Amino acid sequence: MGINRRKIGTLGLLLILSCKPVVGDEQLSESHDVIRAAVEQHALAQVDDWVGRAEVSVGRLDSRLRLARCDRALETYDSPNALSGGRGVVGVRCTGSSPWKLYVPVQIATFDQVVVSRRPLVRGQVVNANDLIVKEKDTSGLHKPYYSDVADVVGLRSKRAIDRGTTLHAGLLKRARLVKRGSRVEIVARLNGLDVRMRGEALSDGGRGDRIRVKNLSSGRVITGTIAASGLVQVD
């Protein structure tokens, strides 16, 4: 997995605890670059196992902040809420003769191949393959499962109007109802390599891939099949 170590933005210092300020010679103070490098390495180690590509951005410290140069290697640790996609903080501490600790904000962007709307979709529209495209996008701000395969989206119905270029996720789409209870359906059964077609009646609603009960109108027999398309039910 490739990891981009590019730093973007200036997020600022989140919280300082038990810090001993140093006045005067800057050579006696801990380098902000050293602190930020330690934070970056900690965050990169955490995201190494995440799905997709990650970018870690470390916040800059207040230029007025002076911390005693640590005579031991700096230690880094997770904040109580740990790191996740989006914003977080990493703890840094010195356990040397002049101890201090602080939390430094980081921003983590996670990129993955996701299904995106190629064109605007209106509310209630059934999505087809021409409406979709797969692109790499930042998924760190998504709180609902997103789609990475176009086949998983085709046939779904939009819950509301969707702009072009929107990352599609479970909160935006629902399964389209292809069969309505009480409606006439075509039952297709494969027997000895041949397709046998019969008229039937759906006994429940359903979308693509749903298994529903249908009634054979010729024999009166109730059987179970899988919805393959609008008004079409396949049985084994």
Protein backbone atom coordinates (compact mmCIF):
# COMPACT_ATOMS: atom_id res chain seq x y z
CA MET A 1 0.00 0.00 0.00
CA GLY A 2 1.43 3.37 -0.96
CA ILE A 3 1.38 6.04 1.72
CA ASN A 4 1.69 9.70 0.90
CA ARG A 5 3.52 11.58 3.61
CA ARG A 6 2.57 15.01 2.28
CA LYS A 7 1.66 17.48 5.02
CA ILE A 8 -1.19 19.87 4.36
CA GLY A 9 -2.68 22.70 6.34
CA THR A 10 -1.87 24.16 9.74
CA LEU A 11 -4.08 22.63 12.38
CA GLY A 12 -2.44 24.11 15.46
CA LEU A 13 -1.72 22.70 18.89
CA LEU A 14 -4.64 20.93 20.52
CA LEU A 15 -3.60 20.56 24.12
CA ILE A 16 -0.49 20.94 26.27
CA LEU A 17 -0.12 19.21 29.61
CA SER A 18 2.64 19.55 32.23
CA CYS A 19 4.93 21.52 29.93
CA LYS A 20 7.98 23.35 31.23
CA PRO A 21 8.64 26.40 29.06
CA VAL A 22 12.20 27.26 28.15
CA VAL A 23 13.22 30.90 27.98
CA GLY A 24 16.24 32.13 26.06
CA ASP A 25 18.57 29.89 24.04
CA GLU A 26 16.54 28.00 21.44
CA GLN A 27 19.23 25.31 21.36
CA LEU A 28 17.95 24.23 24.79
CA SER A 29 14.40 23.70 23.47
CA GLU A 30 12.99 20.69 21.66
CA SER A 31 12.70 21.11 17.90
CA HIS A 32 9.11 21.36 16.67
CA ASP A 33 10.17 19.47 13.53
CA VAL A 34 11.44 16.60 15.67
CA ILE A 35 8.14 16.47 17.59
CA ARG A 36 6.05 16.55 14.42
CA ALA A 37 8.23 13.89 12.77
CA ALA A 38 7.67 11.60 15.75
CA VAL A 39 3.92 12.17 15.53
CA GLU A 40 3.92 11.47 11.80
CA GLN A 41 5.80 8.20 12.22
CA HIS A 42 3.37 7.11 14.94
CA ALA A 43 0.33 7.89 12.77
CA LEU A 44 1.82 6.20 9.70
CA ALA A 45 2.45 3.04 11.69
CA GLN A 46 -1.18 3.03 12.82
CA VAL A 47 -2.66 3.40 9.32
CA ASP A 48 -0.32 0.93 7.65
CA ASP A 49 -2.89 -1.88 7.92
CA TRP A 50 -5.89 0.20 6.84
CA VAL A 51 -7.66 -0.55 3.58
CA GLY A 52 -6.67 1.71 0.71
CA ARG A 53 -4.14 4.54 0.59
CA ALA A 54 -3.65 6.93 3.48
CA GLU A 55 -2.33 10.48 3.81
CA VAL A 56 -1.29 11.81 7.21
CA SER A 57 -1.13 15.53 7.89
CA VAL A 58 0.44 16.71 11.16
CA GLY A 59 -0.65 19.98 12.73
CA ARG A 60 1.92 22.72 13.30
CA LEU A 61 2.78 23.73 16.82
CA ASP A 62 2.41 27.26 18.12
CA SER A 63 5.63 29.07 17.20
CA ARG A 64 5.75 30.54 20.74
CA LEU A 65 5.85 27.11 22.36
CA ARG A 66 9.21 26.24 23.94
CA LEU A 67 9.73 22.82 25.51
CA ALA A 68 12.89 21.62 27.22
CA ARG A 69 15.04 19.51 24.90
CA CYS A 70 14.50 15.90 25.95
CA ASP A 71 17.57 13.96 27.02
CA ARG A 72 15.76 10.74 26.15
CA ALA A 73 14.06 9.56 22.98
CA LEU A 74 10.59 11.05 22.62
CA GLU A 75 7.70 8.69 23.28
CA THR A 76 4.46 8.75 21.28
CA TYR A 77 1.13 7.18 22.16
CA ASP A 78 -2.52 7.05 21.13
CA SER A 79 -5.01 9.47 22.60
CA PRO A 80 -7.90 7.91 24.59
CA ASN A 81 -10.03 7.91 21.42
CA ALA A 82 -7.24 6.42 19.29
CA LEU A 83 -6.87 7.26 15.59
CA SER A 84 -9.49 6.82 12.92
CA GLY A 85 -10.25 8.25 9.51
CA GLY A 86 -10.52 12.03 9.69
CA ARG A 87 -9.16 14.00 12.64
CA GLY A 88 -7.39 12.69 15.71
CA VAL A 89 -4.56 13.46 18.11
CA VAL A 90 -1.30 11.76 19.01
CA GLY A 91 0.36 12.13 22.38
CA VAL A 92 4.06 13.00 22.70
CA ARG A 93 5.99 12.95 25.96
CA CYS A 94 9.47 13.39 27.33
CA THR A 95 10.37 11.22 30.30
CA GLY A 96 13.79 12.74 30.77
CA SER A 97 15.10 15.08 33.43
CA SER A 98 12.71 17.86 32.34
CA PRO A 99 9.52 15.92 31.59
CA TRP A 100 6.64 17.26 29.53
CA LYS A 101 3.83 15.95 27.39
CA LEU A 102 1.43 17.29 24.81
CA TYR A 103 -1.15 16.20 22.24
CA VAL A 104 -0.64 17.09 18.59
CA PRO A 105 -3.54 17.04 16.11
CA VAL A 106 -3.32 14.95 12.97
CA GLN A 107 -5.62 14.61 10.00
CA ILE A 108 -5.86 11.28 8.20
CA ALA A 109 -7.36 10.95 4.74
CA THR A 110 -8.10 7.41 3.57
CA PHE A 111 -8.45 6.84 -0.17
CA ASP A 112 -10.15 3.87 -1.82
CA GLN A 113 -11.72 2.96 -5.15
CA VAL A 114 -15.40 3.82 -4.78
CA VAL A 115 -18.49 3.99 -6.97
CA VAL A 116 -19.37 7.59 -7.86
CA SER A 117 -22.34 9.06 -9.71
CA ARG A 118 -21.32 9.92 -13.27
CA ARG A 119 -24.30 12.25 -13.71
CA PRO A 120 -26.98 13.80 -11.46
CA LEU A 121 -29.66 11.37 -10.24
CA VAL A 122 -33.19 12.35 -9.38
CA ARG A 123 -35.07 11.03 -6.38
CA GLY A 124 -36.50 7.57 -6.99
CA GLN A 125 -34.36 6.90 -10.06
CA VAL A 126 -33.29 3.32 -10.72
CA VAL A 127 -29.53 3.36 -11.23
CA ASN A 128 -27.94 1.71 -14.27
CA ALA A 129 -24.31 1.13 -15.20
CA ASN A 130 -24.13 4.26 -17.40
CA ASP A 131 -24.92 6.39 -14.32
CA LEU A 132 -21.80 5.18 -12.51
CA ILE A 133 -18.03 5.40 -12.51
CA VAL A 134 -15.32 4.08 -10.18
CA LYS A 135 -12.83 6.65 -8.84
CA GLU A 136 -10.34 6.98 -6.01
CA LYS A 137 -11.78 9.28 -3.33
CA ASP A 138 -11.28 10.17 0.31
CA THR A 139 -13.57 7.94 2.39
CA SER A 140 -12.52 9.15 5.84
CA GLY A 141 -15.64 11.29 6.23
CA LEU A 142 -18.10 8.55 5.28
CA HIS A 143 -20.04 7.06 8.18
CA LYS A 144 -22.01 4.53 6.13
CA PRO A 145 -20.79 1.63 3.96
CA TYR A 146 -19.77 2.71 0.48
CA TYR A 147 -19.69 0.70 -2.73
CA SER A 148 -16.57 -0.37 -4.61
CA ASP A 149 -18.23 -2.50 -7.30
CA VAL A 150 -20.59 -1.07 -9.91
CA ALA A 151 -22.50 -4.37 -10.00
CA ASP A 152 -23.58 -3.83 -6.39
CA VAL A 153 -25.24 -0.52 -7.27
CA VAL A 154 -26.97 -1.28 -10.57
CA GLY A 155 -30.70 -1.72 -9.97
CA LEU A 156 -30.76 0.24 -6.72
CA ARG A 157 -33.02 3.28 -6.39
CA SER A 158 -31.93 6.74 -5.19
CA LYS A 159 -33.53 7.91 -1.93
CA ARG A 160 -33.08 11.57 -2.88
CA ALA A 161 -31.54 13.76 -5.56
CA ILE A 162 -27.82 13.02 -5.95
CA ASP A 163 -25.28 15.39 -7.49
CA ARG A 164 -22.74 14.37 -10.08
CA GLY A 165 -19.50 13.07 -8.54
CA THR A 166 -21.11 11.95 -5.26
CA THR A 167 -19.63 8.92 -3.52
CA LEU A 168 -22.50 6.46 -3.31
CA HIS A 169 -23.19 4.77 0.01
CA ALA A 170 -25.96 2.89 1.76
CA GLY A 171 -27.56 6.08 3.05
CA LEU A 172 -28.25 7.35 -0.46
CA LEU A 173 -29.65 4.23 -2.13
CA LYS A 174 -32.23 1.55 -1.52
CA ARG A 175 -33.20 -1.59 -3.32
CA ALA A 176 -35.68 -1.00 -6.10
CA ARG A 177 -38.93 -2.92 -5.77
CA LEU A 178 -39.11 -4.98 -8.94
CA VAL A 179 -42.06 -7.12 -7.91
CA LYS A 180 -45.18 -6.03 -6.04
CA ARG A 181 -47.36 -8.34 -4.00
CA GLY A 182 -50.39 -9.46 -5.99
CA SER A 183 -48.87 -8.50 -9.33
CA ARG A 184 -48.55 -10.86 -12.28
CA VAL A 185 -45.07 -12.26 -12.83
CA GLU A 186 -43.39 -14.58 -15.27
CA ILE A 187 -41.98 -17.71 -13.64
CA VAL A 188 -38.98 -19.24 -15.37
CA ALA A 189 -37.88 -22.76 -14.43
CA ARG A 190 -34.92 -24.57 -15.99
CA LEU A 191 -35.66 -28.24 -16.65
CA ASN A 192 -33.22 -30.53 -18.49
CA GLY A 193 -31.44 -27.53 -19.98
CA LEU A 194 -34.62 -25.89 -21.19
CA ASP A 195 -36.41 -22.80 -19.84
CA VAL A 196 -40.04 -23.40 -18.99
CA ARG A 197 -42.12 -20.23 -18.59
CA MET A 198 -45.34 -19.96 -16.60
CA ARG A 199 -47.71 -17.23 -15.49
CA GLY A 200 -47.68 -16.55 -11.77
CA GLU A 201 -48.73 -14.22 -9.00
CA ALA A 202 -46.29 -12.67 -6.51
CA LEU A 203 -47.21 -13.29 -2.88
CA SER A 204 -44.85 -10.58 -1.53
CA ASP A 205 -42.84 -7.54 -2.60
CA GLY A 206 -39.20 -7.83 -3.49
CA GLY A 207 -36.13 -6.45 -5.23
CA ARG A 208 -33.41 -8.00 -7.36
CA GLY A 209 -31.97 -11.11 -5.68
CA ASP A 210 -34.77 -11.45 -3.13
CA ARG A 211 -36.37 -14.86 -2.71
CA ILE A 212 -40.15 -14.67 -2.67
CA ARG A 213 -43.11 -17.02 -2.84
CA VAL A 214 -45.09 -17.08 -6.08
CA LYS A 215 -48.21 -18.91 -7.14
CA ASN A 216 -48.32 -20.82 -10.41
CA LEU A 217 -51.63 -19.66 -11.92
CA SER A 218 -51.97 -22.82 -14.03
CA SER A 219 -51.49 -25.42 -11.29
CA GLY A 220 -52.23 -23.34 -8.19
CA ARG A 221 -48.95 -24.54 -6.69
CA VAL A 222 -46.98 -22.14 -4.46
CA ILE A 223 -43.24 -22.18 -5.05
CA THR A 224 -40.22 -20.07 -4.05
CA GLY A 225 -38.03 -18.28 -6.55
CA THR A 226 -35.49 -15.49 -6.96
CA ILE A 227 -36.34 -12.13 -8.51
CA ALA A 228 -34.09 -11.69 -11.56
CA ALA A 229 -35.68 -8.60 -13.13
CA SER A 230 -38.86 -6.57 -13.07
CA GLY A 231 -41.75 -9.07 -13.15
CA LEU A 232 -39.42 -12.06 -13.60
CA VAL A 233 -38.90 -14.82 -11.02
CA GLN A 234 -36.50 -17.73 -11.52
CA VAL A 235 -36.94 -21.05 -9.75
CA ASP A 236 -34.54 -23.98 -9.53
